[in-house]
Amino acid sequence: MKAIGRYIVVTPLNRGTKETKGGLFLSETSREDVRYAQAEVIYIGDQVIGVSPKDIIYYDKTAGHKIEIDKNPYHVITLQDVVVVL
């Protein structure tokens, strides 16, 4: 697999669950108070600058689309969706 152009292939990192004040447990994807998701960069396109494979990033969780290759889930985003590189 190879990303092209300004695309970045990432694997979202699950941060577990959070208990609400009412005692409900919400998964990280259900939380409305967090706008950004954390992920590990797997592949980058040839026009991506400032991000490298194996970097941990934060990106807008509503951006991009999901794909599955060889039963492994990935998320494809663009460089403009990345807000922080750790």
PDB file of N, CA and C in Angstrom:
ATOM      1  N   MET A   1       0.852  -1.168   0.000  1.00  0.00           N
ATOM      2  CA  MET A   1       0.000   0.000   0.000  1.00  0.00           C
ATOM      3  C   MET A   1       0.900   1.233   0.000  1.00  0.00           C
ATOM      4  N   LYS A   2       0.454   2.257  -0.729  1.00  0.00           N
ATOM      5  CA  LYS A   2       1.217   3.493  -0.821  1.00  0.00           C
ATOM      6  C   LYS A   2       0.244   4.659  -0.930  1.00  0.00           C
ATOM      7  N   ALA A   3       0.426   5.665  -0.088  1.00  0.00           N
ATOM      8  CA  ALA A   3      -0.396   6.874  -0.175  1.00  0.00           C
ATOM      9  C   ALA A   3       0.178   7.756  -1.288  1.00  0.00           C
ATOM     10  N   ILE A   4      -0.679   8.509  -1.968  1.00  0.00           N
ATOM     11  CA  ILE A   4      -0.217   9.389  -3.033  1.00  0.00           C
ATOM     12  C   ILE A   4      -0.621  10.826  -2.741  1.00  0.00           C
ATOM     13  N   GLY A   5       0.104  11.759  -3.349  1.00  0.00           N
ATOM     14  CA  GLY A   5      -0.231  13.174  -3.222  1.00  0.00           C
ATOM     15  C   GLY A   5      -0.169  13.670  -1.795  1.00  0.00           C
ATOM     16  N   ARG A   6      -1.232  14.355  -1.357  1.00  0.00           N
ATOM     17  CA  ARG A   6      -1.298  14.945  -0.015  1.00  0.00           C
ATOM     18  C   ARG A   6      -2.038  14.047   0.979  1.00  0.00           C
ATOM     19  N   TYR A   7      -2.228  12.778   0.616  1.00  0.00           N
ATOM     20  CA  TYR A   7      -2.948  11.858   1.495  1.00  0.00           C
ATOM     21  C   TYR A   7      -2.029  11.220   2.532  1.00  0.00           C
ATOM     22  N   ILE A   8      -2.623  10.925   3.689  1.00  0.00           N
ATOM     23  CA  ILE A   8      -1.924  10.279   4.793  1.00  0.00           C
ATOM     24  C   ILE A   8      -2.793   9.114   5.256  1.00  0.00           C
ATOM     25  N   VAL A   9      -2.187   7.948   5.396  1.00  0.00           N
ATOM     26  CA  VAL A   9      -2.891   6.775   5.904  1.00  0.00           C
ATOM     27  C   VAL A   9      -2.505   6.613   7.370  1.00  0.00           C
ATOM     28  N   VAL A  10      -3.513   6.557   8.242  1.00  0.00           N
ATOM     29  CA  VAL A  10      -3.269   6.472   9.679  1.00  0.00           C
ATOM     30  C   VAL A  10      -4.044   5.315  10.290  1.00  0.00           C
ATOM     31  N   THR A  11      -3.595   4.921  11.472  1.00  0.00           N
ATOM     32  CA  THR A  11      -4.324   3.969  12.297  1.00  0.00           C
ATOM     33  C   THR A  11      -4.762   4.711  13.546  1.00  0.00           C
ATOM     34  N   PRO A  12      -6.060   4.914  13.731  1.00  0.00           N
ATOM     35  CA  PRO A  12      -6.532   5.613  14.932  1.00  0.00           C
ATOM     36  C   PRO A  12      -6.142   4.859  16.200  1.00  0.00           C
ATOM     37  N   LEU A  13      -5.754   5.603  17.208  1.00  0.00           N
ATOM     38  CA  LEU A  13      -5.405   5.017  18.508  1.00  0.00           C
ATOM     39  C   LEU A  13      -6.607   5.123  19.422  1.00  0.00           C
ATOM     40  N   ASN A  14      -7.041   4.006  19.950  1.00  0.00           N
ATOM     41  CA  ASN A  14      -8.184   3.992  20.862  1.00  0.00           C
ATOM     42  C   ASN A  14      -7.716   4.408  22.239  1.00  0.00           C
ATOM     43  N   ARG A  15      -8.442   5.317  22.822  1.00  0.00           N
ATOM     44  CA  ARG A  15      -8.066   5.827  24.141  1.00  0.00           C
ATOM     45  C   ARG A  15      -8.966   5.263  25.226  1.00  0.00           C
ATOM     46  N   GLY A  16      -9.781   4.289  24.894  1.00  0.00           N
ATOM     47  CA  GLY A  16     -10.622   3.668  25.912  1.00  0.00           C
ATOM     48  C   GLY A  16     -11.956   4.358  26.072  1.00  0.00           C
ATOM     49  N   THR A  17     -12.466   4.313  27.284  1.00  0.00           N
ATOM     50  CA  THR A  17     -13.777   4.877  27.567  1.00  0.00           C
ATOM     51  C   THR A  17     -13.671   5.936  28.657  1.00  0.00           C
ATOM     52  N   LYS A  18     -14.736   6.733  28.756  1.00  0.00           N
ATOM     53  CA  LYS A  18     -14.813   7.771  29.783  1.00  0.00           C
ATOM     54  C   LYS A  18     -16.183   7.652  30.443  1.00  0.00           C
ATOM     55  N   GLU A  19     -16.200   7.779  31.756  1.00  0.00           N
ATOM     56  CA  GLU A  19     -17.462   7.714  32.490  1.00  0.00           C
ATOM     57  C   GLU A  19     -18.055   9.114  32.604  1.00  0.00           C
ATOM     58  N   THR A  20     -19.333   9.244  32.259  1.00  0.00           N
ATOM     59  CA  THR A  20     -20.022  10.526  32.373  1.00  0.00           C
ATOM     60  C   THR A  20     -20.446  10.751  33.819  1.00  0.00           C
ATOM     61  N   LYS A  21     -20.934  11.966  34.108  1.00  0.00           N
ATOM     62  CA  LYS A  21     -21.410  12.289  35.459  1.00  0.00           C
ATOM     63  C   LYS A  21     -22.574  11.397  35.869  1.00  0.00           C
ATOM     64  N   GLY A  22     -23.357  10.959  34.894  1.00  0.00           N
ATOM     65  CA  GLY A  22     -24.503  10.101  35.174  1.00  0.00           C
ATOM     66  C   GLY A  22     -24.159   8.630  35.299  1.00  0.00           C
ATOM     67  N   GLY A  23     -22.884   8.273  35.109  1.00  0.00           N
ATOM     68  CA  GLY A  23     -22.464   6.885  35.260  1.00  0.00           C
ATOM     69  C   GLY A  23     -22.410   6.091  33.970  1.00  0.00           C
ATOM     70  N   LEU A  24     -22.675   6.728  32.826  1.00  0.00           N
ATOM     71  CA  LEU A  24     -22.594   6.034  31.541  1.00  0.00           C
ATOM     72  C   LEU A  24     -21.156   5.994  31.068  1.00  0.00           C
ATOM     73  N   PHE A  25     -20.805   4.913  30.390  1.00  0.00           N
ATOM     74  CA  PHE A  25     -19.474   4.800  29.813  1.00  0.00           C
ATOM     75  C   PHE A  25     -19.573   5.056  28.313  1.00  0.00           C
ATOM     76  N   LEU A  26     -18.794   6.029  27.834  1.00  0.00           N
ATOM     77  CA  LEU A  26     -18.792   6.374  26.414  1.00  0.00           C
ATOM     78  C   LEU A  26     -17.438   6.031  25.807  1.00  0.00           C
ATOM     79  N   SER A  27     -17.470   5.463  24.604  1.00  0.00           N
ATOM     80  CA  SER A  27     -16.205   5.214  23.916  1.00  0.00           C
ATOM     81  C   SER A  27     -15.666   6.535  23.400  1.00  0.00           C
ATOM     82  N   GLU A  28     -14.392   6.565  23.093  1.00  0.00           N
ATOM     83  CA  GLU A  28     -13.744   7.802  22.631  1.00  0.00           C
ATOM     84  C   GLU A  28     -14.433   8.348  21.390  1.00  0.00           C
ATOM     85  N   THR A  29     -14.935   7.492  20.516  1.00  0.00           N
ATOM     86  CA  THR A  29     -15.581   7.965  19.299  1.00  0.00           C
ATOM     87  C   THR A  29     -16.936   8.596  19.573  1.00  0.00           C
ATOM     88  N   SER A  30     -17.549   8.308  20.728  1.00  0.00           N
ATOM     89  CA  SER A  30     -18.854   8.861  21.066  1.00  0.00           C
ATOM     90  C   SER A  30     -18.776  10.206  21.764  1.00  0.00           C
ATOM     91  N   ARG A  31     -17.604  10.580  22.217  1.00  0.00           N
ATOM     92  CA  ARG A  31     -17.467  11.809  22.982  1.00  0.00           C
ATOM     93  C   ARG A  31     -17.611  13.023  22.078  1.00  0.00           C
ATOM     94  N   GLU A  32     -18.521  13.910  22.445  1.00  0.00           N
ATOM     95  CA  GLU A  32     -18.744  15.119  21.665  1.00  0.00           C
ATOM     96  C   GLU A  32     -17.855  16.267  22.118  1.00  0.00           C
ATOM     97  N   ASP A  33     -17.255  16.153  23.302  1.00  0.00           N
ATOM     98  CA  ASP A  33     -16.430  17.236  23.817  1.00  0.00           C
ATOM     99  C   ASP A  33     -15.013  17.231  23.237  1.00  0.00           C
ATOM    100  N   VAL A  34     -14.651  16.188  22.500  1.00  0.00           N
ATOM    101  CA  VAL A  34     -13.328  16.089  21.896  1.00  0.00           C
ATOM    102  C   VAL A  34     -13.481  16.143  20.380  1.00  0.00           C
ATOM    103  N   ARG A  35     -12.895  17.159  19.766  1.00  0.00           N
ATOM    104  CA  ARG A  35     -13.036  17.325  18.326  1.00  0.00           C
ATOM    105  C   ARG A  35     -11.981  16.551  17.541  1.00  0.00           C
ATOM    106  N   TYR A  36     -10.832  16.290  18.163  1.00  0.00           N
ATOM    107  CA  TYR A  36      -9.725  15.691  17.435  1.00  0.00           C
ATOM    108  C   TYR A  36      -9.450  14.272  17.901  1.00  0.00           C
ATOM    109  N   ALA A  37      -8.993  13.439  16.979  1.00  0.00           N
ATOM    110  CA  ALA A  37      -8.655  12.052  17.263  1.00  0.00           C
ATOM    111  C   ALA A  37      -7.148  11.876  17.154  1.00  0.00           C
ATOM    112  N   GLN A  38      -6.624  10.923  17.915  1.00  0.00           N
ATOM    113  CA  GLN A  38      -5.199  10.637  17.904  1.00  0.00           C
ATOM    114  C   GLN A  38      -4.958   9.417  17.020  1.00  0.00           C
ATOM    115  N   ALA A  39      -3.864   9.443  16.254  1.00  0.00           N
ATOM    116  CA  ALA A  39      -3.565   8.328  15.357  1.00  0.00           C
ATOM    117  C   ALA A  39      -2.066   8.209  15.133  1.00  0.00           C
ATOM    118  N   GLU A  40      -1.672   7.028  14.668  1.00  0.00           N
ATOM    119  CA  GLU A  40      -0.290   6.799  14.264  1.00  0.00           C
ATOM    120  C   GLU A  40      -0.234   6.830  12.742  1.00  0.00           C
ATOM    121  N   VAL A  41       0.731   7.547  12.195  1.00  0.00           N
ATOM    122  CA  VAL A  41       0.896   7.648  10.750  1.00  0.00           C
ATOM    123  C   VAL A  41       1.526   6.360  10.233  1.00  0.00           C
ATOM    124  N   ILE A  42       0.914   5.783   9.212  1.00  0.00           N
ATOM    125  CA  ILE A  42       1.414   4.552   8.611  1.00  0.00           C
ATOM    126  C   ILE A  42       2.140   4.854   7.300  1.00  0.00           C
ATOM    127  N   TYR A  43       1.478   5.572   6.400  1.00  0.00           N
ATOM    128  CA  TYR A  43       2.049   5.933   5.101  1.00  0.00           C
ATOM    129  C   TYR A  43       1.747   7.392   4.803  1.00  0.00           C
ATOM    130  N   ILE A  44       2.643   8.053   4.083  1.00  0.00           N
ATOM    131  CA  ILE A  44       2.415   9.430   3.654  1.00  0.00           C
ATOM    132  C   ILE A  44       2.598   9.527   2.148  1.00  0.00           C
ATOM    133  N   GLY A  45       1.876  10.477   1.549  1.00  0.00           N
ATOM    134  CA  GLY A  45       2.023  10.734   0.127  1.00  0.00           C
ATOM    135  C   GLY A  45       3.286  11.530  -0.168  1.00  0.00           C
ATOM    136  N   ASP A  46       3.643  11.632  -1.443  1.00  0.00           N
ATOM    137  CA  ASP A  46       4.886  12.299  -1.843  1.00  0.00           C
ATOM    138  C   ASP A  46       4.843  13.823  -1.697  1.00  0.00           C
ATOM    139  N   GLN A  47       3.679  14.397  -1.457  1.00  0.00           N
ATOM    140  CA  GLN A  47       3.576  15.844  -1.283  1.00  0.00           C
ATOM    141  C   GLN A  47       3.378  16.260   0.180  1.00  0.00           C
ATOM    142  N   VAL A  48       3.498  15.321   1.095  1.00  0.00           N
ATOM    143  CA  VAL A  48       3.293  15.597   2.516  1.00  0.00           C
ATOM    144  C   VAL A  48       4.608  16.053   3.138  1.00  0.00           C
ATOM    145  N   ILE A  49       4.572  17.217   3.777  1.00  0.00           N
ATOM    146  CA  ILE A  49       5.744  17.784   4.436  1.00  0.00           C
ATOM    147  C   ILE A  49       5.421  17.989   5.913  1.00  0.00           C
ATOM    148  N   GLY A  50       6.346  17.660   6.797  1.00  0.00           N
ATOM    149  CA  GLY A  50       6.163  17.895   8.219  1.00  0.00           C
ATOM    150  C   GLY A  50       5.610  16.718   8.992  1.00  0.00           C
ATOM    151  N   VAL A  51       5.249  15.651   8.312  1.00  0.00           N
ATOM    152  CA  VAL A  51       4.724  14.454   8.951  1.00  0.00           C
ATOM    153  C   VAL A  51       5.499  13.262   8.396  1.00  0.00           C
ATOM    154  N   SER A  52       5.853  12.328   9.272  1.00  0.00           N
ATOM    155  CA  SER A  52       6.606  11.145   8.867  1.00  0.00           C
ATOM    156  C   SER A  52       5.896   9.885   9.350  1.00  0.00           C
ATOM    157  N   PRO A  53       6.166   8.750   8.704  1.00  0.00           N
ATOM    158  CA  PRO A  53       5.607   7.494   9.212  1.00  0.00           C
ATOM    159  C   PRO A  53       6.038   7.266  10.662  1.00  0.00           C
ATOM    160  N   LYS A  54       5.154   6.679  11.445  1.00  0.00           N
ATOM    161  CA  LYS A  54       5.315   6.382  12.871  1.00  0.00           C
ATOM    162  C   LYS A  54       5.124   7.595  13.775  1.00  0.00           C
ATOM    163  N   ASP A  55       4.870   8.789  13.200  1.00  0.00           N
ATOM    164  CA  ASP A  55       4.531   9.952  14.022  1.00  0.00           C
ATOM    165  C   ASP A  55       3.162   9.736  14.650  1.00  0.00           C
ATOM    166  N   ILE A  56       2.956  10.300  15.828  1.00  0.00           N
ATOM    167  CA  ILE A  56       1.636  10.329  16.461  1.00  0.00           C
ATOM    168  C   ILE A  56       1.064  11.712  16.179  1.00  0.00           C
ATOM    169  N   ILE A  57      -0.145  11.753  15.641  1.00  0.00           N
ATOM    170  CA  ILE A  57      -0.765  13.016  15.255  1.00  0.00           C
ATOM    171  C   ILE A  57      -2.152  13.142  15.867  1.00  0.00           C
ATOM    172  N   TYR A  58      -2.673  14.357  15.855  1.00  0.00           N
ATOM    173  CA  TYR A  58      -4.073  14.636  16.126  1.00  0.00           C
ATOM    174  C   TYR A  58      -4.666  15.208  14.856  1.00  0.00           C
ATOM    175  N   TYR A  59      -5.849  14.731  14.488  1.00  0.00           N
ATOM    176  CA  TYR A  59      -6.525  15.189  13.273  1.00  0.00           C
ATOM    177  C   TYR A  59      -8.008  15.345  13.549  1.00  0.00           C
ATOM    178  N   ASP A  60      -8.667  16.125  12.716  1.00  0.00           N
ATOM    179  CA  ASP A  60     -10.105  16.342  12.848  1.00  0.00           C
ATOM    180  C   ASP A  60     -10.810  15.004  12.652  1.00  0.00           C
ATOM    181  N   LYS A  61     -11.538  14.541  13.678  1.00  0.00           N
ATOM    182  CA  LYS A  61     -12.107  13.194  13.620  1.00  0.00           C
ATOM    183  C   LYS A  61     -13.235  13.041  12.598  1.00  0.00           C
ATOM    184  N   THR A  62     -13.739  14.145  12.060  1.00  0.00           N
ATOM    185  CA  THR A  62     -14.767  14.038  11.024  1.00  0.00           C
ATOM    186  C   THR A  62     -14.169  14.023   9.618  1.00  0.00           C
ATOM    187  N   ALA A  63     -12.863  14.165   9.524  1.00  0.00           N
ATOM    188  CA  ALA A  63     -12.196  14.256   8.221  1.00  0.00           C
ATOM    189  C   ALA A  63     -11.907  12.876   7.634  1.00  0.00           C
ATOM    190  N   GLY A  64     -11.713  12.862   6.334  1.00  0.00           N
ATOM    191  CA  GLY A  64     -11.258  11.659   5.646  1.00  0.00           C
ATOM    192  C   GLY A  64     -12.302  10.576   5.533  1.00  0.00           C
ATOM    193  N   HIS A  65     -11.800   9.374   5.254  1.00  0.00           N
ATOM    194  CA  HIS A  65     -12.670   8.214   5.119  1.00  0.00           C
ATOM    195  C   HIS A  65     -11.931   6.966   5.580  1.00  0.00           C
ATOM    196  N   LYS A  66     -12.693   5.927   5.870  1.00  0.00           N
ATOM    197  CA  LYS A  66     -12.115   4.680   6.372  1.00  0.00           C
ATOM    198  C   LYS A  66     -11.990   3.672   5.242  1.00  0.00           C
ATOM    199  N   ILE A  67     -10.916   2.876   5.314  1.00  0.00           N
ATOM    200  CA  ILE A  67     -10.743   1.780   4.373  1.00  0.00           C
ATOM    201  C   ILE A  67     -10.291   0.549   5.150  1.00  0.00           C
ATOM    202  N   GLU A  68     -10.471  -0.607   4.540  1.00  0.00           N
ATOM    203  CA  GLU A  68     -10.010  -1.848   5.153  1.00  0.00           C
ATOM    204  C   GLU A  68      -9.208  -2.614   4.117  1.00  0.00           C
ATOM    205  N   ILE A  69      -7.977  -2.945   4.459  1.00  0.00           N
ATOM    206  CA  ILE A  69      -7.107  -3.695   3.561  1.00  0.00           C
ATOM    207  C   ILE A  69      -6.576  -4.888   4.332  1.00  0.00           C
ATOM    208  N   ASP A  70      -6.757  -6.077   3.782  1.00  0.00           N
ATOM    209  CA  ASP A  70      -6.345  -7.319   4.440  1.00  0.00           C
ATOM    210  C   ASP A  70      -6.892  -7.416   5.858  1.00  0.00           C
ATOM    211  N   LYS A  71      -8.152  -7.037   6.020  1.00  0.00           N
ATOM    212  CA  LYS A  71      -8.868  -7.078   7.300  1.00  0.00           C
ATOM    213  C   LYS A  71      -8.286  -6.140   8.356  1.00  0.00           C
ATOM    214  N   ASN A  72      -7.482  -5.169   7.940  1.00  0.00           N
ATOM    215  CA  ASN A  72      -6.942  -4.157   8.846  1.00  0.00           C
ATOM    216  C   ASN A  72      -7.604  -2.819   8.547  1.00  0.00           C
ATOM    217  N   PRO A  73      -8.205  -2.169   9.562  1.00  0.00           N
ATOM    218  CA  PRO A  73      -8.855  -0.879   9.320  1.00  0.00           C
ATOM    219  C   PRO A  73      -7.837   0.270   9.308  1.00  0.00           C
ATOM    220  N   TYR A  74      -8.002   1.181   8.359  1.00  0.00           N
ATOM    221  CA  TYR A  74      -7.169   2.372   8.243  1.00  0.00           C
ATOM    222  C   TYR A  74      -8.070   3.575   8.028  1.00  0.00           C
ATOM    223  N   HIS A  75      -7.520   4.762   8.207  1.00  0.00           N
ATOM    224  CA  HIS A  75      -8.237   6.005   7.971  1.00  0.00           C
ATOM    225  C   HIS A  75      -7.371   6.839   7.035  1.00  0.00           C
ATOM    226  N   VAL A  76      -7.957   7.362   5.973  1.00  0.00           N
ATOM    227  CA  VAL A  76      -7.222   8.172   5.006  1.00  0.00           C
ATOM    228  C   VAL A  76      -7.642   9.625   5.181  1.00  0.00           C
ATOM    229  N   ILE A  77      -6.666  10.486   5.461  1.00  0.00           N
ATOM    230  CA  ILE A  77      -6.926  11.907   5.651  1.00  0.00           C
ATOM    231  C   ILE A  77      -5.978  12.702   4.751  1.00  0.00           C
ATOM    232  N   THR A  78      -6.169  14.007   4.707  1.00  0.00           N
ATOM    233  CA  THR A  78      -5.240  14.859   3.969  1.00  0.00           C
ATOM    234  C   THR A  78      -4.379  15.630   4.945  1.00  0.00           C
ATOM    235  N   LEU A  79      -3.317  16.212   4.440  1.00  0.00           N
ATOM    236  CA  LEU A  79      -2.383  16.963   5.276  1.00  0.00           C
ATOM    237  C   LEU A  79      -3.092  18.113   6.003  1.00  0.00           C
ATOM    238  N   GLN A  80      -4.052  18.750   5.363  1.00  0.00           N
ATOM    239  CA  GLN A  80      -4.740  19.895   5.987  1.00  0.00           C
ATOM    240  C   GLN A  80      -5.605  19.481   7.190  1.00  0.00           C
ATOM    241  N   ASP A  81      -5.885  18.180   7.349  1.00  0.00           N
ATOM    242  CA  ASP A  81      -6.667  17.698   8.491  1.00  0.00           C
ATOM    243  C   ASP A  81      -5.829  17.510   9.746  1.00  0.00           C
ATOM    244  N   VAL A  82      -4.499  17.504   9.603  1.00  0.00           N
ATOM    245  CA  VAL A  82      -3.601  17.307  10.744  1.00  0.00           C
ATOM    246  C   VAL A  82      -3.456  18.621  11.494  1.00  0.00           C
ATOM    247  N   VAL A  83      -3.642  18.577  12.811  1.00  0.00           N
ATOM    248  CA  VAL A  83      -3.523  19.795  13.617  1.00  0.00           C
ATOM    249  C   VAL A  83      -2.319  19.786  14.544  1.00  0.00           C
ATOM    250  N   VAL A  84      -1.871  18.588  14.962  1.00  0.00           N
ATOM    251  CA  VAL A  84      -0.713  18.472  15.858  1.00  0.00           C
ATOM    252  C   VAL A  84       0.083  17.234  15.500  1.00  0.00           C
ATOM    253  N   VAL A  85       1.416  17.391  15.490  1.00  0.00           N
ATOM    254  CA  VAL A  85       2.329  16.260  15.344  1.00  0.00           C
ATOM    255  C   VAL A  85       3.121  16.167  16.637  1.00  0.00           C
ATOM    256  N   LEU A  86       3.075  15.018  17.280  1.00  0.00           N
ATOM    257  CA  LEU A  86       3.822  14.843  18.542  1.00  0.00           C
ATOM    258  C   LEU A  86       5.223  14.333  18.266  1.00  0.00           C
TER     259      LEU A  86
END
